[in-house]
């Protein structure tokens, strides 16, 4: 799996690379959705102004709409063979999931203050 990020001569074909990046991208979208919802449950707030705007329809609906939009844009990047861009976005979402986890760990637990 790590060979998709390597520029070696024995790299996977473009088709295999796109499928692998797609799988990682979708997986990170799911992790971002879940960690965001758990963060809300433990008292964290949404940092993105765009997502906060979407959340006027409700927290779950706002985050769900953002994931639909992200998956749509990711699908467009893959369709137009912008694999470098989808790889960069995948790294971004990996960092975002780690950020969500760190926020959840720093939010004081109820009753332990």
N, C-alpha and C. Protein backbone atom coordinates (compact mmCIF):
# COMPACT_ATOMS: atom_id res chain seq x y z
N UNK A 1 0.82 -1.18 0.00
CA UNK A 1 0.00 0.00 0.00
C UNK A 1 0.87 1.25 0.00
N UNK A 2 2.01 1.25 0.67
CA UNK A 2 2.83 2.45 0.72
C UNK A 2 3.46 2.76 -0.63
N UNK A 3 3.49 1.79 -1.54
CA UNK A 3 4.10 2.05 -2.84
C UNK A 3 3.32 3.05 -3.67
N UNK A 4 2.06 3.33 -3.34
CA UNK A 4 1.31 4.31 -4.11
C UNK A 4 1.88 5.70 -3.93
N UNK A 5 2.64 5.93 -2.88
CA UNK A 5 3.20 7.25 -2.63
C UNK A 5 4.66 7.32 -3.06
N UNK A 6 5.17 6.25 -3.63
CA UNK A 6 6.56 6.15 -4.04
C UNK A 6 6.66 6.39 -5.54
N UNK A 7 7.71 7.03 -5.98
CA UNK A 7 7.90 7.30 -7.40
C UNK A 7 8.86 6.28 -8.02
N UNK A 8 8.90 5.07 -7.52
CA UNK A 8 9.81 4.07 -8.04
C UNK A 8 9.33 3.52 -9.37
N UNK A 9 10.22 2.85 -10.08
CA UNK A 9 9.90 2.33 -11.41
C UNK A 9 8.89 1.19 -11.34
N UNK A 10 8.83 0.46 -10.23
CA UNK A 10 7.91 -0.67 -10.12
C UNK A 10 6.59 -0.28 -9.47
N UNK A 11 6.22 0.97 -9.61
CA UNK A 11 4.98 1.49 -9.04
C UNK A 11 3.76 0.81 -9.64
N UNK A 12 2.67 0.79 -8.86
CA UNK A 12 1.41 0.21 -9.35
C UNK A 12 0.95 0.95 -10.59
N UNK A 13 0.09 0.32 -11.36
CA UNK A 13 -0.49 0.99 -12.51
C UNK A 13 -1.40 2.12 -12.05
N UNK A 14 -1.70 3.05 -12.93
CA UNK A 14 -2.54 4.19 -12.57
C UNK A 14 -3.91 3.74 -12.09
N UNK A 15 -4.50 2.70 -12.68
CA UNK A 15 -5.81 2.21 -12.27
C UNK A 15 -5.79 1.70 -10.84
N UNK A 16 -4.80 0.91 -10.49
CA UNK A 16 -4.67 0.38 -9.14
C UNK A 16 -4.41 1.51 -8.16
N UNK A 17 -3.59 2.47 -8.57
CA UNK A 17 -3.29 3.60 -7.71
C UNK A 17 -4.56 4.39 -7.41
N UNK A 18 -5.39 4.62 -8.41
CA UNK A 18 -6.62 5.37 -8.21
C UNK A 18 -7.56 4.64 -7.27
N UNK A 19 -7.67 3.34 -7.41
CA UNK A 19 -8.54 2.57 -6.53
C UNK A 19 -8.05 2.64 -5.08
N UNK A 20 -6.76 2.50 -4.88
CA UNK A 20 -6.21 2.53 -3.54
C UNK A 20 -6.39 3.90 -2.91
N UNK A 21 -6.11 4.96 -3.63
CA UNK A 21 -6.30 6.31 -3.10
C UNK A 21 -7.78 6.55 -2.81
N UNK A 22 -8.64 6.06 -3.68
CA UNK A 22 -10.08 6.20 -3.46
C UNK A 22 -10.50 5.51 -2.17
N UNK A 23 -10.01 4.32 -1.94
CA UNK A 23 -10.37 3.59 -0.73
C UNK A 23 -9.89 4.33 0.51
N UNK A 24 -8.68 4.85 0.49
CA UNK A 24 -8.15 5.58 1.63
C UNK A 24 -8.95 6.86 1.85
N UNK A 25 -9.26 7.56 0.76
CA UNK A 25 -10.04 8.80 0.84
C UNK A 25 -11.41 8.56 1.47
N UNK A 26 -12.11 7.53 1.01
CA UNK A 26 -13.44 7.23 1.54
C UNK A 26 -13.34 6.82 3.01
N UNK A 27 -12.36 6.01 3.34
CA UNK A 27 -12.15 5.58 4.72
C UNK A 27 -11.91 6.78 5.63
N UNK A 28 -11.09 7.74 5.19
CA UNK A 28 -10.82 8.92 6.00
C UNK A 28 -12.05 9.83 6.12
N UNK A 29 -12.89 9.84 5.09
CA UNK A 29 -14.14 10.59 5.19
C UNK A 29 -15.02 10.01 6.30
N UNK A 30 -15.10 8.68 6.33
CA UNK A 30 -15.89 8.01 7.38
C UNK A 30 -15.29 8.29 8.76
N UNK A 31 -13.96 8.20 8.86
CA UNK A 31 -13.32 8.49 10.15
C UNK A 31 -13.54 9.93 10.58
N UNK A 32 -13.48 10.87 9.63
CA UNK A 32 -13.72 12.27 9.96
C UNK A 32 -15.15 12.46 10.43
N UNK A 33 -16.10 11.83 9.76
CA UNK A 33 -17.50 11.92 10.18
C UNK A 33 -17.68 11.39 11.60
N UNK A 34 -17.14 10.21 11.86
CA UNK A 34 -17.31 9.61 13.18
C UNK A 34 -16.60 10.39 14.28
N UNK A 35 -15.37 10.82 14.01
CA UNK A 35 -14.65 11.56 15.06
C UNK A 35 -15.28 12.93 15.31
N UNK A 36 -15.84 13.54 14.27
CA UNK A 36 -16.53 14.82 14.46
C UNK A 36 -17.78 14.63 15.32
N UNK A 37 -18.56 13.59 15.02
CA UNK A 37 -19.77 13.35 15.80
C UNK A 37 -19.47 12.99 17.25
N UNK A 38 -18.42 12.19 17.45
CA UNK A 38 -18.02 11.87 18.83
C UNK A 38 -17.52 13.13 19.52
N UNK A 39 -16.79 13.97 18.80
CA UNK A 39 -16.34 15.24 19.36
C UNK A 39 -17.49 16.10 19.83
N UNK A 40 -18.56 16.17 19.01
CA UNK A 40 -19.74 16.92 19.42
C UNK A 40 -20.32 16.35 20.72
N UNK A 41 -20.32 15.04 20.82
CA UNK A 41 -20.90 14.37 21.98
C UNK A 41 -20.13 14.67 23.27
N UNK A 42 -18.80 14.86 23.13
CA UNK A 42 -18.00 15.13 24.33
C UNK A 42 -17.83 16.62 24.58
N UNK A 43 -18.47 17.46 23.76
CA UNK A 43 -18.46 18.89 24.02
C UNK A 43 -17.59 19.73 23.12
N UNK A 44 -16.98 19.15 22.11
CA UNK A 44 -16.17 19.93 21.17
C UNK A 44 -17.08 20.70 20.21
N UNK A 45 -16.55 21.73 19.60
CA UNK A 45 -17.31 22.55 18.66
C UNK A 45 -16.66 22.45 17.28
N UNK A 46 -17.42 22.71 16.25
CA UNK A 46 -16.91 22.70 14.88
C UNK A 46 -16.07 23.95 14.65
N UNK A 47 -14.89 23.79 14.08
CA UNK A 47 -13.99 24.92 13.84
C UNK A 47 -14.21 25.57 12.47
N UNK A 48 -14.68 24.81 11.51
CA UNK A 48 -14.82 25.32 10.15
C UNK A 48 -16.06 26.20 10.01
N UNK A 49 -15.89 27.44 9.55
CA UNK A 49 -17.06 28.30 9.34
C UNK A 49 -18.03 27.74 8.29
N UNK A 50 -17.50 27.09 7.27
CA UNK A 50 -18.36 26.51 6.23
C UNK A 50 -19.23 25.40 6.81
N UNK A 51 -18.63 24.52 7.60
CA UNK A 51 -19.38 23.40 8.19
C UNK A 51 -20.39 23.94 9.21
N UNK A 52 -20.00 24.97 9.97
CA UNK A 52 -20.94 25.58 10.92
C UNK A 52 -22.16 26.14 10.20
N UNK A 53 -21.94 26.70 9.01
CA UNK A 53 -23.08 27.19 8.23
C UNK A 53 -23.99 26.04 7.82
N UNK A 54 -23.38 24.93 7.38
CA UNK A 54 -24.18 23.76 7.01
C UNK A 54 -24.94 23.19 8.21
N UNK A 55 -24.40 23.41 9.40
CA UNK A 55 -25.00 22.84 10.60
C UNK A 55 -26.27 23.56 11.05
N UNK A 56 -26.66 24.62 10.34
CA UNK A 56 -27.95 25.26 10.65
C UNK A 56 -29.09 24.27 10.41
N UNK A 57 -28.85 23.26 9.59
CA UNK A 57 -29.84 22.20 9.36
C UNK A 57 -29.76 21.14 10.46
N UNK A 58 -28.86 21.31 11.42
CA UNK A 58 -28.65 20.34 12.49
C UNK A 58 -27.23 19.81 12.42
N UNK A 59 -26.64 19.46 13.56
CA UNK A 59 -25.25 18.99 13.56
C UNK A 59 -25.01 17.77 12.68
N UNK A 60 -25.86 16.77 12.81
CA UNK A 60 -25.68 15.56 12.02
C UNK A 60 -25.85 15.85 10.53
N UNK A 61 -26.88 16.61 10.18
CA UNK A 61 -27.14 16.92 8.78
C UNK A 61 -26.02 17.77 8.19
N UNK A 62 -25.51 18.74 8.94
CA UNK A 62 -24.43 19.59 8.45
C UNK A 62 -23.17 18.81 8.15
N UNK A 63 -22.77 17.95 9.08
CA UNK A 63 -21.56 17.16 8.87
C UNK A 63 -21.80 16.15 7.74
N UNK A 64 -22.99 15.56 7.68
CA UNK A 64 -23.30 14.62 6.61
C UNK A 64 -23.25 15.32 5.25
N UNK A 65 -23.80 16.52 5.15
CA UNK A 65 -23.75 17.27 3.89
C UNK A 65 -22.31 17.59 3.49
N UNK A 66 -21.48 17.91 4.47
CA UNK A 66 -20.07 18.19 4.15
C UNK A 66 -19.37 16.94 3.62
N UNK A 67 -19.73 15.78 4.14
CA UNK A 67 -19.13 14.53 3.66
C UNK A 67 -19.61 14.20 2.25
N UNK A 68 -20.89 14.45 1.98
CA UNK A 68 -21.41 14.23 0.63
C UNK A 68 -20.68 15.13 -0.35
N UNK A 69 -20.49 16.38 0.03
CA UNK A 69 -19.77 17.33 -0.82
C UNK A 69 -18.32 16.89 -1.02
N UNK A 70 -17.66 16.48 0.06
CA UNK A 70 -16.26 16.04 -0.03
C UNK A 70 -16.14 14.80 -0.92
N UNK A 71 -17.05 13.85 -0.76
CA UNK A 71 -17.00 12.65 -1.59
C UNK A 71 -17.29 12.99 -3.05
N UNK A 72 -18.19 13.93 -3.29
CA UNK A 72 -18.47 14.35 -4.65
C UNK A 72 -17.27 15.01 -5.30
N UNK A 73 -16.62 15.91 -4.57
CA UNK A 73 -15.42 16.56 -5.11
C UNK A 73 -14.28 15.56 -5.30
N UNK A 74 -14.15 14.64 -4.36
CA UNK A 74 -13.14 13.59 -4.50
C UNK A 74 -13.41 12.72 -5.71
N UNK A 75 -14.67 12.37 -5.92
CA UNK A 75 -15.04 11.59 -7.10
C UNK A 75 -14.73 12.33 -8.38
N UNK A 76 -14.97 13.64 -8.38
CA UNK A 76 -14.66 14.45 -9.56
C UNK A 76 -13.16 14.47 -9.83
N UNK A 77 -12.36 14.60 -8.76
CA UNK A 77 -10.90 14.58 -8.91
C UNK A 77 -10.44 13.25 -9.49
N UNK A 78 -11.01 12.16 -9.03
CA UNK A 78 -10.63 10.85 -9.54
C UNK A 78 -11.08 10.69 -10.98
N UNK A 79 -12.30 11.14 -11.29
CA UNK A 79 -12.83 11.06 -12.66
C UNK A 79 -11.96 11.83 -13.64
N UNK A 80 -11.46 13.00 -13.20
CA UNK A 80 -10.62 13.82 -14.08
C UNK A 80 -9.14 13.47 -13.96
N UNK A 81 -8.86 12.38 -13.25
CA UNK A 81 -7.50 11.85 -13.09
C UNK A 81 -6.55 12.84 -12.42
N UNK A 82 -7.06 13.55 -11.45
CA UNK A 82 -6.25 14.47 -10.63
C UNK A 82 -5.78 13.72 -9.39
N UNK A 83 -5.02 12.64 -9.61
CA UNK A 83 -4.63 11.77 -8.50
C UNK A 83 -3.68 12.46 -7.52
N UNK A 84 -2.86 13.39 -8.02
CA UNK A 84 -2.00 14.15 -7.12
C UNK A 84 -2.82 15.00 -6.16
N UNK A 85 -3.88 15.60 -6.67
CA UNK A 85 -4.75 16.42 -5.83
C UNK A 85 -5.50 15.57 -4.82
N UNK A 86 -6.04 14.43 -5.26
CA UNK A 86 -6.77 13.57 -4.32
C UNK A 86 -5.81 13.00 -3.26
N UNK A 87 -4.55 12.76 -3.64
CA UNK A 87 -3.56 12.29 -2.67
C UNK A 87 -3.31 13.39 -1.63
N UNK A 88 -3.16 14.64 -2.07
CA UNK A 88 -2.95 15.76 -1.16
C UNK A 88 -4.15 15.93 -0.23
N UNK A 89 -5.34 15.84 -0.77
CA UNK A 89 -6.55 15.97 0.04
C UNK A 89 -6.64 14.82 1.04
N UNK A 90 -6.21 13.64 0.63
CA UNK A 90 -6.23 12.48 1.53
C UNK A 90 -5.29 12.70 2.71
N UNK A 91 -4.10 13.26 2.44
CA UNK A 91 -3.20 13.60 3.55
C UNK A 91 -3.87 14.61 4.48
N UNK A 92 -4.53 15.61 3.92
CA UNK A 92 -5.22 16.63 4.71
C UNK A 92 -6.25 15.98 5.64
N UNK A 93 -7.06 15.07 5.11
CA UNK A 93 -8.07 14.44 5.94
C UNK A 93 -7.45 13.53 7.00
N UNK A 94 -6.31 12.92 6.70
CA UNK A 94 -5.61 12.14 7.72
C UNK A 94 -5.20 13.02 8.89
N UNK A 95 -4.67 14.19 8.58
CA UNK A 95 -4.29 15.15 9.62
C UNK A 95 -5.53 15.63 10.37
N UNK A 96 -6.62 15.85 9.66
CA UNK A 96 -7.86 16.31 10.28
C UNK A 96 -8.41 15.28 11.27
N UNK A 97 -8.33 14.01 10.94
CA UNK A 97 -8.80 12.96 11.86
C UNK A 97 -7.93 12.96 13.12
N UNK A 98 -6.63 13.10 12.96
CA UNK A 98 -5.74 13.17 14.12
C UNK A 98 -6.09 14.39 14.97
N UNK A 99 -6.35 15.52 14.31
CA UNK A 99 -6.77 16.74 15.03
C UNK A 99 -8.04 16.48 15.84
N UNK A 100 -9.03 15.86 15.21
CA UNK A 100 -10.28 15.55 15.92
C UNK A 100 -10.01 14.69 17.15
N UNK A 101 -9.15 13.70 17.00
CA UNK A 101 -8.83 12.83 18.14
C UNK A 101 -8.14 13.61 19.25
N UNK A 102 -7.23 14.51 18.87
CA UNK A 102 -6.54 15.32 19.88
C UNK A 102 -7.52 16.24 20.60
N UNK A 103 -8.46 16.82 19.87
CA UNK A 103 -9.47 17.68 20.50
C UNK A 103 -10.31 16.87 21.48
N UNK A 104 -10.70 15.67 21.08
CA UNK A 104 -11.50 14.83 21.98
C UNK A 104 -10.72 14.49 23.25
N UNK A 105 -9.42 14.30 23.13
CA UNK A 105 -8.63 13.97 24.30
C UNK A 105 -8.41 15.17 25.23
N UNK A 106 -8.51 16.38 24.69
CA UNK A 106 -8.29 17.55 25.52
C UNK A 106 -9.55 18.16 26.09
N UNK A 107 -10.71 17.74 25.61
CA UNK A 107 -11.98 18.24 26.16
C UNK A 107 -12.15 17.61 27.54
N UNK A 108 -12.35 18.45 28.56
CA UNK A 108 -12.51 17.89 29.92
C UNK A 108 -13.73 16.96 29.99
N UNK A 109 -13.55 15.83 30.63
CA UNK A 109 -14.67 14.89 30.81
C UNK A 109 -15.64 15.44 31.84
N UNK A 110 -16.93 15.27 31.61
CA UNK A 110 -17.92 15.74 32.59
C UNK A 110 -17.70 15.08 33.94
N UNK A 111 -17.73 15.87 34.98
CA UNK A 111 -17.59 15.33 36.33
C UNK A 111 -16.16 15.23 36.81
N UNK A 112 -15.17 15.45 35.91
CA UNK A 112 -13.77 15.34 36.33
C UNK A 112 -13.10 16.71 36.46
N UNK A 113 -13.87 17.77 36.39
CA UNK A 113 -13.28 19.11 36.46
C UNK A 113 -12.99 19.51 37.87
